[in-house]
Structures are given as C-alpha cells and as structure tokens.
C-alpha cells in the first residue's frame, strides 16, 4: 500500500508540478520516471505466482484509492528505491535540490532481508582504463593504476558524494553509473593482481522510500501511513480530489 501511494503521488507530481514530458505525465524509463512491465512480461517473470502477485498489487491500489502525499498542498516528488544500508540518502546528495521531505532517515532492512544486498564488481586495470577513456575523456591516468582514483567525499549516510577520476571530479552518482554499480555505498581497493574491486551495499539511489525497508516495517506492525511519513517526513496524506479537483 505504501508503494502504491508513493507511485501514485510521483505520477501526479510529474503531471502537476514537474511536467518533464510534453505529451505524458510519466515515461517508462526508470532512470527518468518509473519502470513499467506489462501483463505479458509479468506473466513470463512471475510464472505460477502471477495471479497471486497481481491480485495483491490490485488490492493495494484499491485500498489506497485516491491517496497521495503532499507538501504545502502539492503532490511531492515521491522518490523510492530498492534498499539501503542503515540510512536512506538526502535528495541534495544525489540530485540538486534539498527537498524538506527527502531527508536521510534510518531504514530497518538488513542483509538477511534482501537478496544480493551486497555485491562485488571487479575490473582489470585495462578494463577500467578503457571505460574511463570512453566516458571521461579529460581524465589523465598515471602509470600507477593505484593513483587513478582518489579524493573521495562521503555523505552522512556513508555514500560516495564525489571523487576524482584521473584528476576529473565526478559525483558519486556519476561514478556509480560509469561502472554500472548497484549503489553509491562503495568501498574499493586495488590489488597486487592489478584488479580493482568495488563492493557495494544496497540497491538504487537511496532517496525516499526503501521498498525492502517498508516491507520490514510492515512486518513489524507499522501501517501504510506510518511507513510513508517515516520515509517522507513532514508530508501529509491527502485525497487526490482535494489536490487535483476535477
């Protein structure tokens, strides 16, 4: 139910406030708006579980019909992600604006709750050099690969805010995209074998509702509203008819 409200709110935020697209409220690019899978693809992925999951989703949508989260009378940017380690991330540490309802808050999911909560990616020196040369052409990489990365800055939640790649400063989000890592909660090392190892925790940008965190809160007895107000502090749960009359 909390996920249904967040998704509905985010769609109306884009429709009424952000308006990122000329001909639609939302697109199906998860890097821009929200991912979408149709019934045929969901049947392929879920198999025999399709009816169970589809009915559960429909029930959550019906139970929260018309409910949206607001700030000062408008739908909020209800960002959500898969999971975080310990704390979610503040909006300004991933994007530009410091939104008052997208603060870093504790989140209860643990490694025991989330498949692939921790992941590892490895790149040889040549592989990393090739990626950097293609995507960060101004980077100057010295002979010693151990000197390619440095000057890292971390957010209060322990995620990578910025670092230098061959003398070029990248945001943590940009570096995560550069290497296709699951999150910006990154620890890396360079070994004697010439391999860079990047270990990550969590999955996604880390802002707003954590899906696995919300599930953990629900299992602990929290209701939909308390989950939403935890991840979007200071917001109000309102009826869509009040926000968008007609």
C-alpha atoms as a PDB file:
ATOM      1  CA  UNK A   1       0.000   0.000   0.000  1.00  0.00           C
ATOM      2  CA  UNK A   2       2.829   2.421   0.804  1.00  0.00           C
ATOM      3  CA  UNK A   3       4.407   1.676  -2.578  1.00  0.00           C
ATOM      4  CA  UNK A   4       1.074   2.274  -4.318  1.00  0.00           C
ATOM      5  CA  UNK A   5       0.706   5.689  -2.672  1.00  0.00           C
ATOM      6  CA  UNK A   6       4.312   6.623  -3.498  1.00  0.00           C
ATOM      7  CA  UNK A   7       3.930   5.630  -7.160  1.00  0.00           C
ATOM      8  CA  UNK A   8       0.591   7.447  -7.487  1.00  0.00           C
ATOM      9  CA  UNK A   9       1.984  10.552  -5.794  1.00  0.00           C
ATOM     10  CA  UNK A  10       5.057  10.608  -8.001  1.00  0.00           C
ATOM     11  CA  UNK A  11       2.940  10.344 -11.148  1.00  0.00           C
ATOM     12  CA  UNK A  12       0.771  13.302 -10.120  1.00  0.00           C
ATOM     13  CA  UNK A  13       3.862  15.261  -9.071  1.00  0.00           C
ATOM     14  CA  UNK A  14       5.113  14.887 -12.621  1.00  0.00           C
ATOM     15  CA  UNK A  15       1.703  15.737 -14.061  1.00  0.00           C
ATOM     16  CA  UNK A  16       1.026  18.828 -11.915  1.00  0.00           C
ATOM     17  CA  UNK A  17       4.417  20.124 -10.743  1.00  0.00           C
ATOM     18  CA  UNK A  18       7.499  18.888 -12.624  1.00  0.00           C
ATOM     19  CA  UNK A  19       5.945  18.233 -16.068  1.00  0.00           C
ATOM     20  CA  UNK A  20       9.069  16.561 -17.531  1.00  0.00           C
ATOM     21  CA  UNK A  21       7.320  15.432 -20.729  1.00  0.00           C
ATOM     22  CA  UNK A  22       5.173  17.318 -23.203  1.00  0.00           C
ATOM     23  CA  UNK A  23       2.724  14.530 -24.015  1.00  0.00           C
ATOM     24  CA  UNK A  24       2.643  12.337 -20.904  1.00  0.00           C
ATOM     25  CA  UNK A  25       2.822  12.545 -17.123  1.00  0.00           C
ATOM     26  CA  UNK A  26       5.417   9.804 -16.938  1.00  0.00           C
ATOM     27  CA  UNK A  27       7.657   7.652 -19.113  1.00  0.00           C
ATOM     28  CA  UNK A  28       8.762   4.033 -18.675  1.00  0.00           C
ATOM     29  CA  UNK A  29      12.469   4.815 -18.275  1.00  0.00           C
ATOM     30  CA  UNK A  30      13.339   4.098 -14.616  1.00  0.00           C
ATOM     31  CA  UNK A  31      16.285   6.476 -14.914  1.00  0.00           C
ATOM     32  CA  UNK A  32      13.834   9.279 -15.671  1.00  0.00           C
ATOM     33  CA  UNK A  33      10.414   8.351 -14.287  1.00  0.00           C
ATOM     34  CA  UNK A  34       9.322   4.816 -13.409  1.00  0.00           C
ATOM     35  CA  UNK A  35       9.829   1.349 -14.830  1.00  0.00           C
ATOM     36  CA  UNK A  36       6.832  -0.413 -16.337  1.00  0.00           C
ATOM     37  CA  UNK A  37       6.188  -4.037 -17.242  1.00  0.00           C
ATOM     38  CA  UNK A  38       3.012  -5.160 -18.971  1.00  0.00           C
ATOM     39  CA  UNK A  39       0.959  -8.247 -18.074  1.00  0.00           C
ATOM     40  CA  UNK A  40       2.671 -10.486 -20.643  1.00  0.00           C
ATOM     41  CA  UNK A  41       6.151  -9.727 -19.325  1.00  0.00           C
ATOM     42  CA  UNK A  42       4.993 -10.098 -15.726  1.00  0.00           C
ATOM     43  CA  UNK A  43       3.457 -13.485 -16.512  1.00  0.00           C
ATOM     44  CA  UNK A  44       6.770 -14.564 -18.001  1.00  0.00           C
ATOM     45  CA  UNK A  45       8.714 -13.412 -14.949  1.00  0.00           C
ATOM     46  CA  UNK A  46       6.308 -14.494 -12.224  1.00  0.00           C
ATOM     47  CA  UNK A  47       5.028 -17.709 -13.782  1.00  0.00           C
ATOM     48  CA  UNK A  48       2.649 -19.516 -11.443  1.00  0.00           C
ATOM     49  CA  UNK A  49       2.850 -16.626  -8.958  1.00  0.00           C
ATOM     50  CA  UNK A  50       1.356 -14.128 -11.415  1.00  0.00           C
ATOM     51  CA  UNK A  51      -2.231 -14.258 -10.148  1.00  0.00           C
ATOM     52  CA  UNK A  52      -1.140 -14.005  -6.513  1.00  0.00           C
ATOM     53  CA  UNK A  53       1.096 -11.004  -7.049  1.00  0.00           C
ATOM     54  CA  UNK A  54      -1.250  -9.254  -9.484  1.00  0.00           C
ATOM     55  CA  UNK A  55      -4.182  -9.543  -7.075  1.00  0.00           C
ATOM     56  CA  UNK A  56      -2.015  -8.295  -4.201  1.00  0.00           C
ATOM     57  CA  UNK A  57      -0.982  -5.231  -6.187  1.00  0.00           C
ATOM     58  CA  UNK A  58      -4.569  -4.545  -7.256  1.00  0.00           C
ATOM     59  CA  UNK A  59      -5.731  -4.812  -3.641  1.00  0.00           C
ATOM     60  CA  UNK A  60      -3.063  -2.315  -2.514  1.00  0.00           C
ATOM     61  CA  UNK A  61      -4.098   0.133  -5.236  1.00  0.00           C
ATOM     62  CA  UNK A  62      -7.785  -0.216  -4.327  1.00  0.00           C
ATOM     63  CA  UNK A  63      -7.130   0.125  -0.593  1.00  0.00           C
ATOM     64  CA  UNK A  64      -5.330   3.432  -1.132  1.00  0.00           C
ATOM     65  CA  UNK A  65      -7.545   4.729  -3.941  1.00  0.00           C
ATOM     66  CA  UNK A  66      -7.074   8.478  -4.328  1.00  0.00           C
ATOM     67  CA  UNK A  67      -4.439   8.842  -1.601  1.00  0.00           C
ATOM     68  CA  UNK A  68      -1.368  10.995  -2.298  1.00  0.00           C
ATOM     69  CA  UNK A  69       1.343  12.602  -0.208  1.00  0.00           C
ATOM     70  CA  UNK A  70       1.500  16.394  -0.195  1.00  0.00           C
ATOM     71  CA  UNK A  71       3.747  19.229   0.899  1.00  0.00           C
ATOM     72  CA  UNK A  72       2.218  22.705   1.058  1.00  0.00           C
ATOM     73  CA  UNK A  73      -0.810  21.475  -0.868  1.00  0.00           C
ATOM     74  CA  UNK A  74       1.018  19.890  -3.805  1.00  0.00           C
ATOM     75  CA  UNK A  75       1.986  16.281  -4.578  1.00  0.00           C
ATOM     76  CA  UNK A  76       5.567  15.551  -3.546  1.00  0.00           C
ATOM     77  CA  UNK A  77       8.434  14.099  -5.544  1.00  0.00           C
ATOM     78  CA  UNK A  78       7.947  10.647  -4.012  1.00  0.00           C
ATOM     79  CA  UNK A  79      11.271   9.065  -4.918  1.00  0.00           C
ATOM     80  CA  UNK A  80      11.738   5.409  -3.967  1.00  0.00           C
ATOM     81  CA  UNK A  81      14.430   2.766  -4.301  1.00  0.00           C
ATOM     82  CA  UNK A  82      15.018  -0.902  -3.540  1.00  0.00           C
ATOM     83  CA  UNK A  83      17.091  -0.885  -0.338  1.00  0.00           C
ATOM     84  CA  UNK A  84      19.663   0.974   1.735  1.00  0.00           C
ATOM     85  CA  UNK A  85      22.196   0.092   4.381  1.00  0.00           C
ATOM     86  CA  UNK A  86      21.303   1.772   7.660  1.00  0.00           C
ATOM     87  CA  UNK A  87      20.088   5.119   6.316  1.00  0.00           C
ATOM     88  CA  UNK A  88      18.429   6.499   3.214  1.00  0.00           C
ATOM     89  CA  UNK A  89      20.018   9.449   1.416  1.00  0.00           C
ATOM     90  CA  UNK A  90      19.112  13.145   1.383  1.00  0.00           C
ATOM     91  CA  UNK A  91      17.948  14.427  -2.002  1.00  0.00           C
ATOM     92  CA  UNK A  92      20.699  17.031  -2.397  1.00  0.00           C
ATOM     93  CA  UNK A  93      23.362  14.360  -2.045  1.00  0.00           C
ATOM     94  CA  UNK A  94      22.070  12.647  -5.201  1.00  0.00           C
ATOM     95  CA  UNK A  95      20.392  15.435  -7.182  1.00  0.00           C
ATOM     96  CA  UNK A  96      20.430  19.220  -6.819  1.00  0.00           C
ATOM     97  CA  UNK A  97      17.531  20.343  -4.628  1.00  0.00           C
ATOM     98  CA  UNK A  98      17.421  19.866  -0.851  1.00  0.00           C
ATOM     99  CA  UNK A  99      13.768  18.896  -0.573  1.00  0.00           C
ATOM    100  CA  UNK A 100      12.477  19.139   3.029  1.00  0.00           C
ATOM    101  CA  UNK A 101      10.648  15.800   2.879  1.00  0.00           C
ATOM    102  CA  UNK A 102      13.519  13.821   1.306  1.00  0.00           C
ATOM    103  CA  UNK A 103      15.871  13.629   4.275  1.00  0.00           C
ATOM    104  CA  UNK A 104      18.217  10.841   5.302  1.00  0.00           C
ATOM    105  CA  UNK A 105      16.295   8.624   7.749  1.00  0.00           C
ATOM    106  CA  UNK A 106      17.013   5.260   9.399  1.00  0.00           C
ATOM    107  CA  UNK A 107      15.809   2.237   7.472  1.00  0.00           C
ATOM    108  CA  UNK A 108      15.474  -1.232   9.044  1.00  0.00           C
ATOM    109  CA  UNK A 109      16.268  -3.716   6.255  1.00  0.00           C
ATOM    110  CA  UNK A 110      19.355  -5.874   6.712  1.00  0.00           C
ATOM    111  CA  UNK A 111      21.460  -8.227   4.649  1.00  0.00           C
ATOM    112  CA  UNK A 112      19.233 -11.080   5.852  1.00  0.00           C
ATOM    113  CA  UNK A 113      16.152  -9.399   4.330  1.00  0.00           C
ATOM    114  CA  UNK A 114      17.454  -8.544   0.869  1.00  0.00           C
ATOM    115  CA  UNK A 115      18.800 -10.824  -1.888  1.00  0.00           C
ATOM    116  CA  UNK A 116      22.127  -9.534  -3.228  1.00  0.00           C
ATOM    117  CA  UNK A 117      22.196  -6.816  -0.565  1.00  0.00           C
ATOM    118  CA  UNK A 118      25.952  -6.729  -1.004  1.00  0.00           C
ATOM    119  CA  UNK A 119      27.552  -7.070  -4.406  1.00  0.00           C
ATOM    120  CA  UNK A 120      31.063  -7.031  -5.845  1.00  0.00           C
ATOM    121  CA  UNK A 121      32.296  -5.834  -9.218  1.00  0.00           C
ATOM    122  CA  UNK A 122      35.845  -6.366 -10.459  1.00  0.00           C
ATOM    123  CA  UNK A 123      37.714  -4.675 -13.313  1.00  0.00           C
ATOM    124  CA  UNK A 124      41.212  -5.251 -14.581  1.00  0.00           C
ATOM    125  CA  UNK A 125      43.333  -2.147 -14.978  1.00  0.00           C
ATOM    126  CA  UNK A 126      42.900  -2.277 -18.732  1.00  0.00           C
ATOM    127  CA  UNK A 127      39.133  -2.666 -18.452  1.00  0.00           C
ATOM    128  CA  UNK A 128      38.861   0.326 -16.143  1.00  0.00           C
ATOM    129  CA  UNK A 129      41.207   2.385 -18.320  1.00  0.00           C
ATOM    130  CA  UNK A 130      39.044   1.638 -21.347  1.00  0.00           C
ATOM    131  CA  UNK A 131      35.828   2.639 -19.539  1.00  0.00           C
ATOM    132  CA  UNK A 132      37.325   5.870 -18.248  1.00  0.00           C
ATOM    133  CA  UNK A 133      38.810   6.781 -21.626  1.00  0.00           C
ATOM    134  CA  UNK A 134      35.424   6.322 -23.298  1.00  0.00           C
ATOM    135  CA  UNK A 135      33.298   8.126 -20.711  1.00  0.00           C
ATOM    136  CA  UNK A 136      35.692  10.598 -19.029  1.00  0.00           C
ATOM    137  CA  UNK A 137      37.913  11.765 -21.902  1.00  0.00           C
ATOM    138  CA  UNK A 138      39.546  14.575 -19.881  1.00  0.00           C
ATOM    139  CA  UNK A 139      40.865  12.137 -17.277  1.00  0.00           C
ATOM    140  CA  UNK A 140      44.635  11.743 -17.155  1.00  0.00           C
ATOM    141  CA  UNK A 141      45.618   8.326 -15.853  1.00  0.00           C
ATOM    142  CA  UNK A 142      49.164   7.997 -14.484  1.00  0.00           C
ATOM    143  CA  UNK A 143      51.271   4.896 -14.964  1.00  0.00           C
ATOM    144  CA  UNK A 144      50.389   3.605 -11.493  1.00  0.00           C
ATOM    145  CA  UNK A 145      46.704   2.499 -11.534  1.00  0.00           C
ATOM    146  CA  UNK A 146      46.544   2.851  -7.753  1.00  0.00           C
ATOM    147  CA  UNK A 147      46.631   6.640  -8.304  1.00  0.00           C
ATOM    148  CA  UNK A 148      43.706   6.761 -10.727  1.00  0.00           C
ATOM    149  CA  UNK A 149      41.008   7.186  -8.084  1.00  0.00           C
ATOM    150  CA  UNK A 150      41.161   9.437  -5.032  1.00  0.00           C
ATOM    151  CA  UNK A 151      39.886  12.472  -3.159  1.00  0.00           C
ATOM    152  CA  UNK A 152      36.636  10.777  -2.242  1.00  0.00           C
ATOM    153  CA  UNK A 153      33.967  12.605  -0.261  1.00  0.00           C
ATOM    154  CA  UNK A 154      31.193  10.778   1.610  1.00  0.00           C
ATOM    155  CA  UNK A 155      27.700  11.831   2.643  1.00  0.00           C
ATOM    156  CA  UNK A 156      26.412  11.469   6.189  1.00  0.00           C
ATOM    157  CA  UNK A 157      24.932   8.085   5.227  1.00  0.00           C
ATOM    158  CA  UNK A 158      28.316   6.826   4.018  1.00  0.00           C
ATOM    159  CA  UNK A 159      27.577   7.027   0.296  1.00  0.00           C
ATOM    160  CA  UNK A 160      30.019   8.402  -2.222  1.00  0.00           C
ATOM    161  CA  UNK A 161      29.366  12.097  -2.881  1.00  0.00           C
ATOM    162  CA  UNK A 162      32.302  12.757  -5.179  1.00  0.00           C
ATOM    163  CA  UNK A 163      35.742  11.531  -6.145  1.00  0.00           C
ATOM    164  CA  UNK A 164      38.488  12.299  -8.619  1.00  0.00           C
ATOM    165  CA  UNK A 165      38.982  10.014 -11.602  1.00  0.00           C
ATOM    166  CA  UNK A 166      42.250  10.841 -13.306  1.00  0.00           C
ATOM    167  CA  UNK A 167      42.026  14.370 -11.943  1.00  0.00           C
ATOM    168  CA  UNK A 168      38.393  14.865 -13.029  1.00  0.00           C
ATOM    169  CA  UNK A 169      35.818  15.223 -10.249  1.00  0.00           C
ATOM    170  CA  UNK A 170      32.736  13.034 -10.656  1.00  0.00           C
ATOM    171  CA  UNK A 171      29.689  12.885  -8.430  1.00  0.00           C
ATOM    172  CA  UNK A 172      29.069   9.632  -6.633  1.00  0.00           C
ATOM    173  CA  UNK A 173      26.006   9.040  -8.807  1.00  0.00           C
ATOM    174  CA  UNK A 174      28.008   9.628 -11.975  1.00  0.00           C
ATOM    175  CA  UNK A 175      30.727   7.228 -10.828  1.00  0.00           C
ATOM    176  CA  UNK A 176      28.115   4.612  -9.966  1.00  0.00           C
ATOM    177  CA  UNK A 177      26.648   4.935 -13.476  1.00  0.00           C
ATOM    178  CA  UNK A 178      30.103   4.869 -15.031  1.00  0.00           C
ATOM    179  CA  UNK A 179      30.774   1.381 -13.678  1.00  0.00           C
ATOM    180  CA  UNK A 180      27.190   0.115 -13.503  1.00  0.00           C
ATOM    181  CA  UNK A 181      27.328  -0.356  -9.725  1.00  0.00           C
ATOM    182  CA  UNK A 182      24.209  -1.153  -7.680  1.00  0.00           C
ATOM    183  CA  UNK A 183      24.566   1.785  -5.297  1.00  0.00           C
ATOM    184  CA  UNK A 184      26.853   4.649  -4.279  1.00  0.00           C
ATOM    185  CA  UNK A 185      27.660   2.936  -0.956  1.00  0.00           C
ATOM    186  CA  UNK A 186      31.034   1.838  -2.306  1.00  0.00           C
ATOM    187  CA  UNK A 187      34.272   0.504  -0.879  1.00  0.00           C
ATOM    188  CA  UNK A 188      37.023  -0.156  -3.397  1.00  0.00           C
ATOM    189  CA  UNK A 189      40.554  -1.494  -3.495  1.00  0.00           C
ATOM    190  CA  UNK A 190      43.340  -2.095  -5.989  1.00  0.00           C
ATOM    191  CA  UNK A 191      45.135  -5.407  -5.605  1.00  0.00           C
ATOM    192  CA  UNK A 192      48.571  -6.670  -6.427  1.00  0.00           C
ATOM    193  CA  UNK A 193      46.968  -8.699  -9.198  1.00  0.00           C
ATOM    194  CA  UNK A 194      46.114  -5.456 -10.999  1.00  0.00           C
ATOM    195  CA  UNK A 195      42.384  -5.781 -10.363  1.00  0.00           C
ATOM    196  CA  UNK A 196      40.095  -3.075  -8.989  1.00  0.00           C
ATOM    197  CA  UNK A 197      37.412  -4.407  -6.635  1.00  0.00           C
ATOM    198  CA  UNK A 198      34.271  -2.395  -5.852  1.00  0.00           C
ATOM    199  CA  UNK A 199      31.996  -3.623  -3.059  1.00  0.00           C
ATOM    200  CA  UNK A 200      28.549  -2.039  -2.717  1.00  0.00           C
ATOM    201  CA  UNK A 201      25.696  -2.237  -0.209  1.00  0.00           C
ATOM    202  CA  UNK A 202      22.042  -1.617  -1.025  1.00  0.00           C
ATOM    203  CA  UNK A 203      20.477  -1.019  -4.406  1.00  0.00           C
ATOM    204  CA  UNK A 204      19.359   2.223  -6.035  1.00  0.00           C
ATOM    205  CA  UNK A 205      19.890   5.949  -5.463  1.00  0.00           C
ATOM    206  CA  UNK A 206      18.872   5.655  -1.811  1.00  0.00           C
ATOM    207  CA  UNK A 207      16.421   8.587  -1.698  1.00  0.00           C
ATOM    208  CA  UNK A 208      12.901   8.367  -0.278  1.00  0.00           C
ATOM    209  CA  UNK A 209      11.032   5.158   0.431  1.00  0.00           C
ATOM    210  CA  UNK A 210      13.110   1.988   0.660  1.00  0.00           C
ATOM    211  CA  UNK A 211      10.999  -0.859  -0.677  1.00  0.00           C
ATOM    212  CA  UNK A 212      12.656  -3.520   1.465  1.00  0.00           C
ATOM    213  CA  UNK A 213      12.704  -1.145   4.413  1.00  0.00           C
ATOM    214  CA  UNK A 214       8.966  -0.541   4.017  1.00  0.00           C
ATOM    215  CA  UNK A 215       8.411  -4.287   3.896  1.00  0.00           C
ATOM    216  CA  UNK A 216      10.403  -4.738   7.111  1.00  0.00           C
ATOM    217  CA  UNK A 217       8.379  -2.001   8.810  1.00  0.00           C
ATOM    218  CA  UNK A 218       5.113  -3.603   7.663  1.00  0.00           C
ATOM    219  CA  UNK A 219       6.203  -6.990   9.023  1.00  0.00           C
ATOM    220  CA  UNK A 220       6.952  -5.262  12.329  1.00  0.00           C
ATOM    221  CA  UNK A 221       3.353  -3.986  12.502  1.00  0.00           C
ATOM    222  CA  UNK A 222       3.601  -0.484  11.032  1.00  0.00           C
ATOM    223  CA  UNK A 223       0.701   0.631   8.834  1.00  0.00           C
ATOM    224  CA  UNK A 224       0.824   2.321   5.446  1.00  0.00           C
ATOM    225  CA  UNK A 225       0.615   5.887   6.742  1.00  0.00           C
ATOM    226  CA  UNK A 226       3.334   5.456   9.385  1.00  0.00           C
ATOM    227  CA  UNK A 227       5.667   3.938   6.786  1.00  0.00           C
ATOM    228  CA  UNK A 228       5.089   6.809   4.369  1.00  0.00           C
ATOM    229  CA  UNK A 229       5.532   9.523   6.994  1.00  0.00           C
ATOM    230  CA  UNK A 230       8.757   7.871   8.126  1.00  0.00           C
ATOM    231  CA  UNK A 231      10.332   7.961   4.684  1.00  0.00           C
ATOM    232  CA  UNK A 232       8.768  11.310   3.673  1.00  0.00           C
ATOM    233  CA  UNK A 233       8.882  13.278   6.964  1.00  0.00           C
ATOM    234  CA  UNK A 234       6.637  16.303   7.308  1.00  0.00           C
ATOM    235  CA  UNK A 235       4.284  15.343   4.475  1.00  0.00           C
ATOM    236  CA  UNK A 236       0.514  14.932   4.693  1.00  0.00           C
ATOM    237  CA  UNK A 237      -1.568  12.074   3.341  1.00  0.00           C
ATOM    238  CA  UNK A 238      -4.400  13.676   1.365  1.00  0.00           C
ATOM    239  CA  UNK A 239      -7.214  12.781  -1.003  1.00  0.00           C
ATOM    240  CA  UNK A 240      -6.385  13.361  -4.628  1.00  0.00           C
ATOM    241  CA  UNK A 241      -9.710  15.155  -5.169  1.00  0.00           C
ATOM    242  CA  UNK A 242      -8.526  17.856  -2.754  1.00  0.00           C
ATOM    243  CA  UNK A 243      -5.221  18.297  -4.575  1.00  0.00           C
ATOM    244  CA  UNK A 244      -6.487  17.984  -8.123  1.00  0.00           C
ATOM    245  CA  UNK A 245     -10.196  18.938  -8.188  1.00  0.00           C
ATOM    246  CA  UNK A 246     -11.987  17.571 -11.232  1.00  0.00           C
END
